[in-house]
Amino acid sequence: TDGSLAILKSYAQKYPRIKVLENGQNRGLLFTRIRATLAAEGEYILCLDADDELFPNIAEKALAAAKGTGADIVFFQVEEIKKDGKRSLARWLCNVPTTGTARNAAEIRRLLKRRRLVGILCSRLWRGDLFRTVAREQLDFASQNRIVYEEDVFLFHFLTKKAATYAVLPDIGYRYYRIHGGVTVQEGAEARRKKQSDKKIVRKAIAADGAKP
């Protein structure tokens, strides 16, 4: 309703590489992210939520790290803008050492369990073939469930399960806002019910895959 579709289409007319996909109705973040992934042709995929920002040159740095190490996933740091406007280094990669070489992705499970890593999609560069494989496998689930909360937790589980290696950059490359009223910070009875419902569906699906959510 803010005219963003028209703005996107105007950019697509100027830059042929830009593809604009329109759902016609709100299908939720999970379906939309999967649809975009399946339409993407790039060797790597980088997600950016609508109310956040990427730092200049971080895509270039992450791409260089991915090609230099052969890693399936490249993590980088996040700056968080809190409700009071203060900035801080987000605890999304808590005490995870940076590494210029690829490491076994099996470590990611241990990092999650020890709460040193948050299972989200943004501030990570993903190998395109890996992401598209998971997207194809989870398309039916996404079509049947309008998930808007913890969709990144869902996809992160299946992506890291298939990944072989990862690397971590010391660079801050993503700015995460808590002041724009995004779904993760929305309040009210309806928002809370949707969050709880989506959380149950996501956690049940992960548990059915044989993992503790």
C-alpha atoms as a PDB file:
ATOM      1  CA  THR A   1       0.000   0.000   0.000  1.00  0.00           C
ATOM      2  CA  ASP A   2       3.041   2.333   0.090  1.00  0.00           C
ATOM      3  CA  GLY A   3       3.698   2.293  -3.635  1.00  0.00           C
ATOM      4  CA  SER A   4       6.730   0.074  -3.293  1.00  0.00           C
ATOM      5  CA  LEU A   5       5.654  -2.199  -6.154  1.00  0.00           C
ATOM      6  CA  ALA A   6       5.617   0.709  -8.611  1.00  0.00           C
ATOM      7  CA  ILE A   7       9.021   1.832  -7.340  1.00  0.00           C
ATOM      8  CA  LEU A   8      10.446  -1.659  -7.816  1.00  0.00           C
ATOM      9  CA  LYS A   9       9.044  -1.907 -11.327  1.00  0.00           C
ATOM     10  CA  SER A  10      10.592   1.446 -12.216  1.00  0.00           C
ATOM     11  CA  TYR A  11      13.986   0.125 -11.099  1.00  0.00           C
ATOM     12  CA  ALA A  12      13.458  -3.068 -13.095  1.00  0.00           C
ATOM     13  CA  GLN A  13      12.923  -0.962 -16.219  1.00  0.00           C
ATOM     14  CA  LYS A  14      16.252   0.783 -15.627  1.00  0.00           C
ATOM     15  CA  TYR A  15      18.215  -2.315 -14.604  1.00  0.00           C
ATOM     16  CA  PRO A  16      17.276  -5.485 -16.516  1.00  0.00           C
ATOM     17  CA  ARG A  17      18.961  -7.745 -13.934  1.00  0.00           C
ATOM     18  CA  ILE A  18      16.277  -6.831 -11.374  1.00  0.00           C
ATOM     19  CA  LYS A  19      13.317  -9.210 -11.272  1.00  0.00           C
ATOM     20  CA  VAL A  20      10.082  -8.125  -9.603  1.00  0.00           C
ATOM     21  CA  LEU A  21       7.818 -10.935  -8.363  1.00  0.00           C
ATOM     22  CA  GLU A  22       4.275 -10.124  -7.286  1.00  0.00           C
ATOM     23  CA  ASN A  23       2.265 -12.611  -5.224  1.00  0.00           C
ATOM     24  CA  GLY A  24      -1.079 -10.915  -5.719  1.00  0.00           C
ATOM     25  CA  GLN A  25      -1.850 -11.461  -2.059  1.00  0.00           C
ATOM     26  CA  ASN A  26       0.129 -11.727   1.159  1.00  0.00           C
ATOM     27  CA  ARG A  27       1.556 -15.259   1.134  1.00  0.00           C
ATOM     28  CA  GLY A  28       3.879 -14.765   4.109  1.00  0.00           C
ATOM     29  CA  LEU A  29       7.642 -14.420   4.382  1.00  0.00           C
ATOM     30  CA  LEU A  30       8.448 -18.117   3.996  1.00  0.00           C
ATOM     31  CA  PHE A  31       6.663 -18.588   0.672  1.00  0.00           C
ATOM     32  CA  THR A  32       7.909 -15.254  -0.660  1.00  0.00           C
ATOM     33  CA  ARG A  33      11.530 -15.968   0.221  1.00  0.00           C
ATOM     34  CA  ILE A  34      11.338 -19.412  -1.348  1.00  0.00           C
ATOM     35  CA  ARG A  35       9.706 -18.067  -4.500  1.00  0.00           C
ATOM     36  CA  ALA A  36      12.402 -15.417  -4.850  1.00  0.00           C
ATOM     37  CA  THR A  37      15.117 -18.012  -4.292  1.00  0.00           C
ATOM     38  CA  LEU A  38      13.747 -20.243  -7.043  1.00  0.00           C
ATOM     39  CA  ALA A  39      13.647 -17.278  -9.427  1.00  0.00           C
ATOM     40  CA  ALA A  40      17.223 -16.257  -8.631  1.00  0.00           C
ATOM     41  CA  GLU A  41      19.971 -17.359 -11.021  1.00  0.00           C
ATOM     42  CA  GLY A  42      23.019 -16.137  -9.120  1.00  0.00           C
ATOM     43  CA  GLU A  43      25.832 -18.325  -7.836  1.00  0.00           C
ATOM     44  CA  TYR A  44      25.175 -16.968  -4.329  1.00  0.00           C
ATOM     45  CA  ILE A  45      22.143 -15.618  -2.486  1.00  0.00           C
ATOM     46  CA  LEU A  46      22.031 -12.783   0.044  1.00  0.00           C
ATOM     47  CA  CYS A  47      18.796 -11.991   1.892  1.00  0.00           C
ATOM     48  CA  LEU A  48      17.785  -8.506   3.003  1.00  0.00           C
ATOM     49  CA  ASP A  49      14.645  -7.826   5.002  1.00  0.00           C
ATOM     50  CA  ALA A  50      12.486  -4.898   3.934  1.00  0.00           C
ATOM     51  CA  ASP A  51      13.201  -2.652   6.934  1.00  0.00           C
ATOM     52  CA  ASP A  52      16.950  -3.312   7.274  1.00  0.00           C
ATOM     53  CA  GLU A  53      20.126  -2.198   5.463  1.00  0.00           C
ATOM     54  CA  LEU A  54      23.254  -3.735   3.981  1.00  0.00           C
ATOM     55  CA  PHE A  55      26.544  -1.886   4.470  1.00  0.00           C
ATOM     56  CA  PRO A  56      28.433  -0.740   1.354  1.00  0.00           C
ATOM     57  CA  ASN A  57      30.801  -3.370  -0.076  1.00  0.00           C
ATOM     58  CA  ILE A  58      29.717  -6.172   2.286  1.00  0.00           C
ATOM     59  CA  ALA A  59      28.262  -8.233  -0.570  1.00  0.00           C
ATOM     60  CA  GLU A  60      31.585  -7.908  -2.409  1.00  0.00           C
ATOM     61  CA  LYS A  61      33.572  -8.919   0.691  1.00  0.00           C
ATOM     62  CA  ALA A  62      31.304 -11.880   1.468  1.00  0.00           C
ATOM     63  CA  LEU A  63      31.480 -13.047  -2.150  1.00  0.00           C
ATOM     64  CA  ALA A  64      35.280 -12.848  -2.117  1.00  0.00           C
ATOM     65  CA  ALA A  65      35.353 -14.877   1.112  1.00  0.00           C
ATOM     66  CA  ALA A  66      32.991 -17.491  -0.319  1.00  0.00           C
ATOM     67  CA  LYS A  67      35.062 -17.928  -3.457  1.00  0.00           C
ATOM     68  CA  GLY A  68      38.348 -17.750  -1.591  1.00  0.00           C
ATOM     69  CA  THR A  69      37.422 -20.402   0.996  1.00  0.00           C
ATOM     70  CA  GLY A  70      34.884 -22.454  -0.958  1.00  0.00           C
ATOM     71  CA  ALA A  71      32.482 -22.120   1.986  1.00  0.00           C
ATOM     72  CA  ASP A  72      28.779 -22.798   1.482  1.00  0.00           C
ATOM     73  CA  ILE A  73      27.902 -20.094   4.045  1.00  0.00           C
ATOM     74  CA  VAL A  74      29.690 -16.841   4.888  1.00  0.00           C
ATOM     75  CA  PHE A  75      28.612 -15.105   8.089  1.00  0.00           C
ATOM     76  CA  PHE A  76      29.239 -11.434   8.858  1.00  0.00           C
ATOM     77  CA  GLN A  77      28.465  -9.159  11.794  1.00  0.00           C
ATOM     78  CA  VAL A  78      25.293  -7.162  12.519  1.00  0.00           C
ATOM     79  CA  GLU A  79      24.727  -3.686  13.923  1.00  0.00           C
ATOM     80  CA  GLU A  80      21.433  -3.453  15.820  1.00  0.00           C
ATOM     81  CA  ILE A  81      19.449  -0.218  16.116  1.00  0.00           C
ATOM     82  CA  LYS A  82      17.340  -0.437  19.252  1.00  0.00           C
ATOM     83  CA  LYS A  83      13.991   1.227  19.954  1.00  0.00           C
ATOM     84  CA  ASP A  84      15.725   4.109  21.739  1.00  0.00           C
ATOM     85  CA  GLY A  85      17.946   4.696  18.698  1.00  0.00           C
ATOM     86  CA  LYS A  86      21.108   3.383  20.337  1.00  0.00           C
ATOM     87  CA  ARG A  87      23.415   1.185  18.300  1.00  0.00           C
ATOM     88  CA  SER A  88      25.198  -1.954  19.381  1.00  0.00           C
ATOM     89  CA  LEU A  89      26.827  -5.044  17.936  1.00  0.00           C
ATOM     90  CA  ALA A  90      24.036  -7.612  17.743  1.00  0.00           C
ATOM     91  CA  ARG A  91      24.638 -10.896  19.564  1.00  0.00           C
ATOM     92  CA  TRP A  92      23.881 -12.942  16.458  1.00  0.00           C
ATOM     93  CA  LEU A  93      27.422 -14.306  16.237  1.00  0.00           C
ATOM     94  CA  CYS A  94      28.290 -14.323  19.931  1.00  0.00           C
ATOM     95  CA  ASN A  95      31.953 -15.263  20.417  1.00  0.00           C
ATOM     96  CA  VAL A  96      32.111 -17.130  17.099  1.00  0.00           C
ATOM     97  CA  PRO A  97      35.724 -16.737  15.923  1.00  0.00           C
ATOM     98  CA  THR A  98      36.314 -15.225  12.520  1.00  0.00           C
ATOM     99  CA  THR A  99      38.087 -17.556  10.149  1.00  0.00           C
ATOM    100  CA  GLY A 100      39.684 -17.031   6.773  1.00  0.00           C
ATOM    101  CA  THR A 101      39.369 -20.729   6.000  1.00  0.00           C
ATOM    102  CA  ALA A 102      36.322 -22.930   5.570  1.00  0.00           C
ATOM    103  CA  ARG A 103      35.205 -24.860   8.653  1.00  0.00           C
ATOM    104  CA  ASN A 104      32.986 -27.923   8.982  1.00  0.00           C
ATOM    105  CA  ALA A 105      29.347 -26.821   8.973  1.00  0.00           C
ATOM    106  CA  ALA A 106      28.543 -29.504  11.560  1.00  0.00           C
ATOM    107  CA  GLU A 107      29.958 -27.033  14.085  1.00  0.00           C
ATOM    108  CA  ILE A 108      26.960 -24.780  13.466  1.00  0.00           C
ATOM    109  CA  ARG A 109      24.721 -27.154  15.454  1.00  0.00           C
ATOM    110  CA  ARG A 110      27.036 -26.929  18.450  1.00  0.00           C
ATOM    111  CA  LEU A 111      27.223 -23.148  18.194  1.00  0.00           C
ATOM    112  CA  LEU A 112      23.421 -22.923  18.141  1.00  0.00           C
ATOM    113  CA  LYS A 113      23.106 -25.206  21.146  1.00  0.00           C
ATOM    114  CA  ARG A 114      25.624 -23.147  23.101  1.00  0.00           C
ATOM    115  CA  ARG A 115      23.773 -19.943  22.128  1.00  0.00           C
ATOM    116  CA  ARG A 116      26.811 -18.517  20.372  1.00  0.00           C
ATOM    117  CA  LEU A 117      24.959 -18.258  17.084  1.00  0.00           C
ATOM    118  CA  VAL A 118      21.411 -17.204  16.136  1.00  0.00           C
ATOM    119  CA  GLY A 119      19.645 -19.198  13.428  1.00  0.00           C
ATOM    120  CA  ILE A 120      18.601 -16.474  10.999  1.00  0.00           C
ATOM    121  CA  LEU A 121      19.038 -15.964   7.252  1.00  0.00           C
ATOM    122  CA  CYS A 122      20.185 -12.356   7.012  1.00  0.00           C
ATOM    123  CA  SER A 123      23.841 -11.364   7.451  1.00  0.00           C
ATOM    124  CA  ARG A 124      24.792 -14.628   5.799  1.00  0.00           C
ATOM    125  CA  LEU A 125      25.788 -15.293   2.187  1.00  0.00           C
ATOM    126  CA  TRP A 126      24.498 -18.657   0.927  1.00  0.00           C
ATOM    127  CA  ARG A 127      25.622 -20.810  -1.971  1.00  0.00           C
ATOM    128  CA  GLY A 128      22.828 -20.482  -4.537  1.00  0.00           C
ATOM    129  CA  ASP A 129      22.518 -24.164  -5.442  1.00  0.00           C
ATOM    130  CA  LEU A 130      22.252 -25.050  -1.753  1.00  0.00           C
ATOM    131  CA  PHE A 131      19.499 -22.504  -1.143  1.00  0.00           C
ATOM    132  CA  ARG A 132      17.567 -23.469  -4.279  1.00  0.00           C
ATOM    133  CA  THR A 133      17.691 -27.169  -3.352  1.00  0.00           C
ATOM    134  CA  VAL A 134      16.163 -26.432   0.044  1.00  0.00           C
ATOM    135  CA  ALA A 135      13.638 -24.055  -1.521  1.00  0.00           C
ATOM    136  CA  ARG A 136      12.408 -26.728  -3.931  1.00  0.00           C
ATOM    137  CA  GLU A 137      12.108 -29.257  -1.113  1.00  0.00           C
ATOM    138  CA  GLN A 138      10.136 -26.883   1.128  1.00  0.00           C
ATOM    139  CA  LEU A 139       7.935 -25.201  -1.495  1.00  0.00           C
ATOM    140  CA  ASP A 140       4.880 -27.336  -0.721  1.00  0.00           C
ATOM    141  CA  PHE A 141       5.188 -26.653   3.012  1.00  0.00           C
ATOM    142  CA  ALA A 142       5.511 -22.919   2.359  1.00  0.00           C
ATOM    143  CA  SER A 143       2.504 -22.966   0.015  1.00  0.00           C
ATOM    144  CA  GLN A 144       0.334 -24.662   2.636  1.00  0.00           C
ATOM    145  CA  ASN A 145       1.467 -22.588   5.641  1.00  0.00           C
ATOM    146  CA  ARG A 146       1.433 -18.784   5.631  1.00  0.00           C
ATOM    147  CA  ILE A 147       4.452 -18.319   7.888  1.00  0.00           C
ATOM    148  CA  VAL A 148       5.529 -14.766   8.764  1.00  0.00           C
ATOM    149  CA  TYR A 149       7.372 -15.444  12.018  1.00  0.00           C
ATOM    150  CA  GLU A 150      10.458 -17.681  12.460  1.00  0.00           C
ATOM    151  CA  GLU A 151      10.507 -18.501   8.768  1.00  0.00           C
ATOM    152  CA  ASP A 152      14.241 -17.836   8.919  1.00  0.00           C
ATOM    153  CA  VAL A 153      14.630 -20.366  11.749  1.00  0.00           C
ATOM    154  CA  PHE A 154      12.853 -22.907   9.546  1.00  0.00           C
ATOM    155  CA  LEU A 155      15.022 -22.352   6.476  1.00  0.00           C
ATOM    156  CA  PHE A 156      18.215 -21.987   8.515  1.00  0.00           C
ATOM    157  CA  HIS A 157      17.690 -25.480   9.904  1.00  0.00           C
ATOM    158  CA  PHE A 158      17.417 -27.124   6.491  1.00  0.00           C
ATOM    159  CA  LEU A 159      20.154 -25.007   4.908  1.00  0.00           C
ATOM    160  CA  THR A 160      22.754 -25.688   7.582  1.00  0.00           C
ATOM    161  CA  LYS A 161      21.822 -29.374   7.578  1.00  0.00           C
ATOM    162  CA  LYS A 162      22.856 -29.604   3.912  1.00  0.00           C
ATOM    163  CA  ALA A 163      25.826 -27.220   4.069  1.00  0.00           C
ATOM    164  CA  ALA A 164      29.335 -28.665   4.175  1.00  0.00           C
ATOM    165  CA  THR A 165      31.405 -25.660   5.223  1.00  0.00           C
ATOM    166  CA  TYR A 166      31.165 -22.129   6.585  1.00  0.00           C
ATOM    167  CA  ALA A 167      33.371 -19.077   7.146  1.00  0.00           C
ATOM    168  CA  VAL A 168      33.005 -15.959   9.335  1.00  0.00           C
ATOM    169  CA  LEU A 169      34.008 -12.376   8.486  1.00  0.00           C
ATOM    170  CA  PRO A 170      34.899  -9.788  11.170  1.00  0.00           C
ATOM    171  CA  ASP A 171      33.150  -7.039   9.170  1.00  0.00           C
ATOM    172  CA  ILE A 172      29.873  -5.462  10.258  1.00  0.00           C
ATOM    173  CA  GLY A 173      27.725  -5.656   7.144  1.00  0.00           C
ATOM    174  CA  TYR A 174      24.063  -5.645   8.162  1.00  0.00           C
ATOM    175  CA  ARG A 175      22.022  -3.043  10.051  1.00  0.00           C
ATOM    176  CA  TYR A 176      19.015  -4.502  11.876  1.00  0.00           C
ATOM    177  CA  TYR A 177      16.297  -2.085  12.998  1.00  0.00           C
ATOM    178  CA  ARG A 178      13.992  -2.659  15.949  1.00  0.00           C
ATOM    179  CA  ILE A 179      12.249   0.687  15.450  1.00  0.00           C
ATOM    180  CA  HIS A 180      10.274   0.135  12.230  1.00  0.00           C
ATOM    181  CA  GLY A 181       7.537  -2.077  13.635  1.00  0.00           C
ATOM    182  CA  GLY A 182       8.612  -5.256  11.864  1.00  0.00           C
ATOM    183  CA  VAL A 183       6.859  -8.536  12.598  1.00  0.00           C
ATOM    184  CA  THR A 184       9.445  -9.578  15.197  1.00  0.00           C
ATOM    185  CA  VAL A 185       8.753  -6.544  17.380  1.00  0.00           C
ATOM    186  CA  GLN A 186       5.025  -6.104  16.814  1.00  0.00           C
ATOM    187  CA  GLU A 187       2.834  -6.198  19.908  1.00  0.00           C
ATOM    188  CA  GLY A 188      -0.849  -6.794  20.553  1.00  0.00           C
ATOM    189  CA  ALA A 189      -3.045  -9.851  20.985  1.00  0.00           C
ATOM    190  CA  GLU A 190      -3.363 -10.667  17.277  1.00  0.00           C
ATOM    191  CA  ALA A 191       0.382 -10.394  16.662  1.00  0.00           C
ATOM    192  CA  ARG A 192       1.125 -12.574  19.686  1.00  0.00           C
ATOM    193  CA  ARG A 193      -1.315 -15.249  18.516  1.00  0.00           C
ATOM    194  CA  LYS A 194       0.248 -15.304  15.042  1.00  0.00           C
ATOM    195  CA  LYS A 195       3.751 -15.524  16.489  1.00  0.00           C
ATOM    196  CA  GLN A 196       2.807 -18.431  18.747  1.00  0.00           C
ATOM    197  CA  SER A 197       0.978 -20.230  15.934  1.00  0.00           C
ATOM    198  CA  ASP A 198       3.880 -19.865  13.490  1.00  0.00           C
ATOM    199  CA  LYS A 199       6.378 -20.854  16.160  1.00  0.00           C
ATOM    200  CA  LYS A 200       4.506 -24.092  16.873  1.00  0.00           C
ATOM    201  CA  ILE A 201       4.270 -24.965  13.175  1.00  0.00           C
ATOM    202  CA  VAL A 202       7.965 -24.243  12.576  1.00  0.00           C
ATOM    203  CA  ARG A 203       9.183 -26.098  15.670  1.00  0.00           C
ATOM    204  CA  LYS A 204       6.983 -29.096  14.845  1.00  0.00           C
ATOM    205  CA  ALA A 205       8.401 -29.262  11.317  1.00  0.00           C
ATOM    206  CA  ILE A 206      11.974 -29.082  12.593  1.00  0.00           C
ATOM    207  CA  ALA A 207      11.288 -31.735  15.215  1.00  0.00           C
ATOM    208  CA  ALA A 208       9.732 -33.977  12.553  1.00  0.00           C
ATOM    209  CA  ASP A 209      12.997 -33.680  10.646  1.00  0.00           C
ATOM    210  CA  GLY A 210      14.712 -35.314  13.578  1.00  0.00           C
ATOM    211  CA  ALA A 211      16.228 -32.265  15.223  1.00  0.00           C
ATOM    212  CA  LYS A 212      15.601 -30.357  18.407  1.00  0.00           C
ATOM    213  CA  PRO A 213      14.224 -26.909  17.454  1.00  0.00           C
END
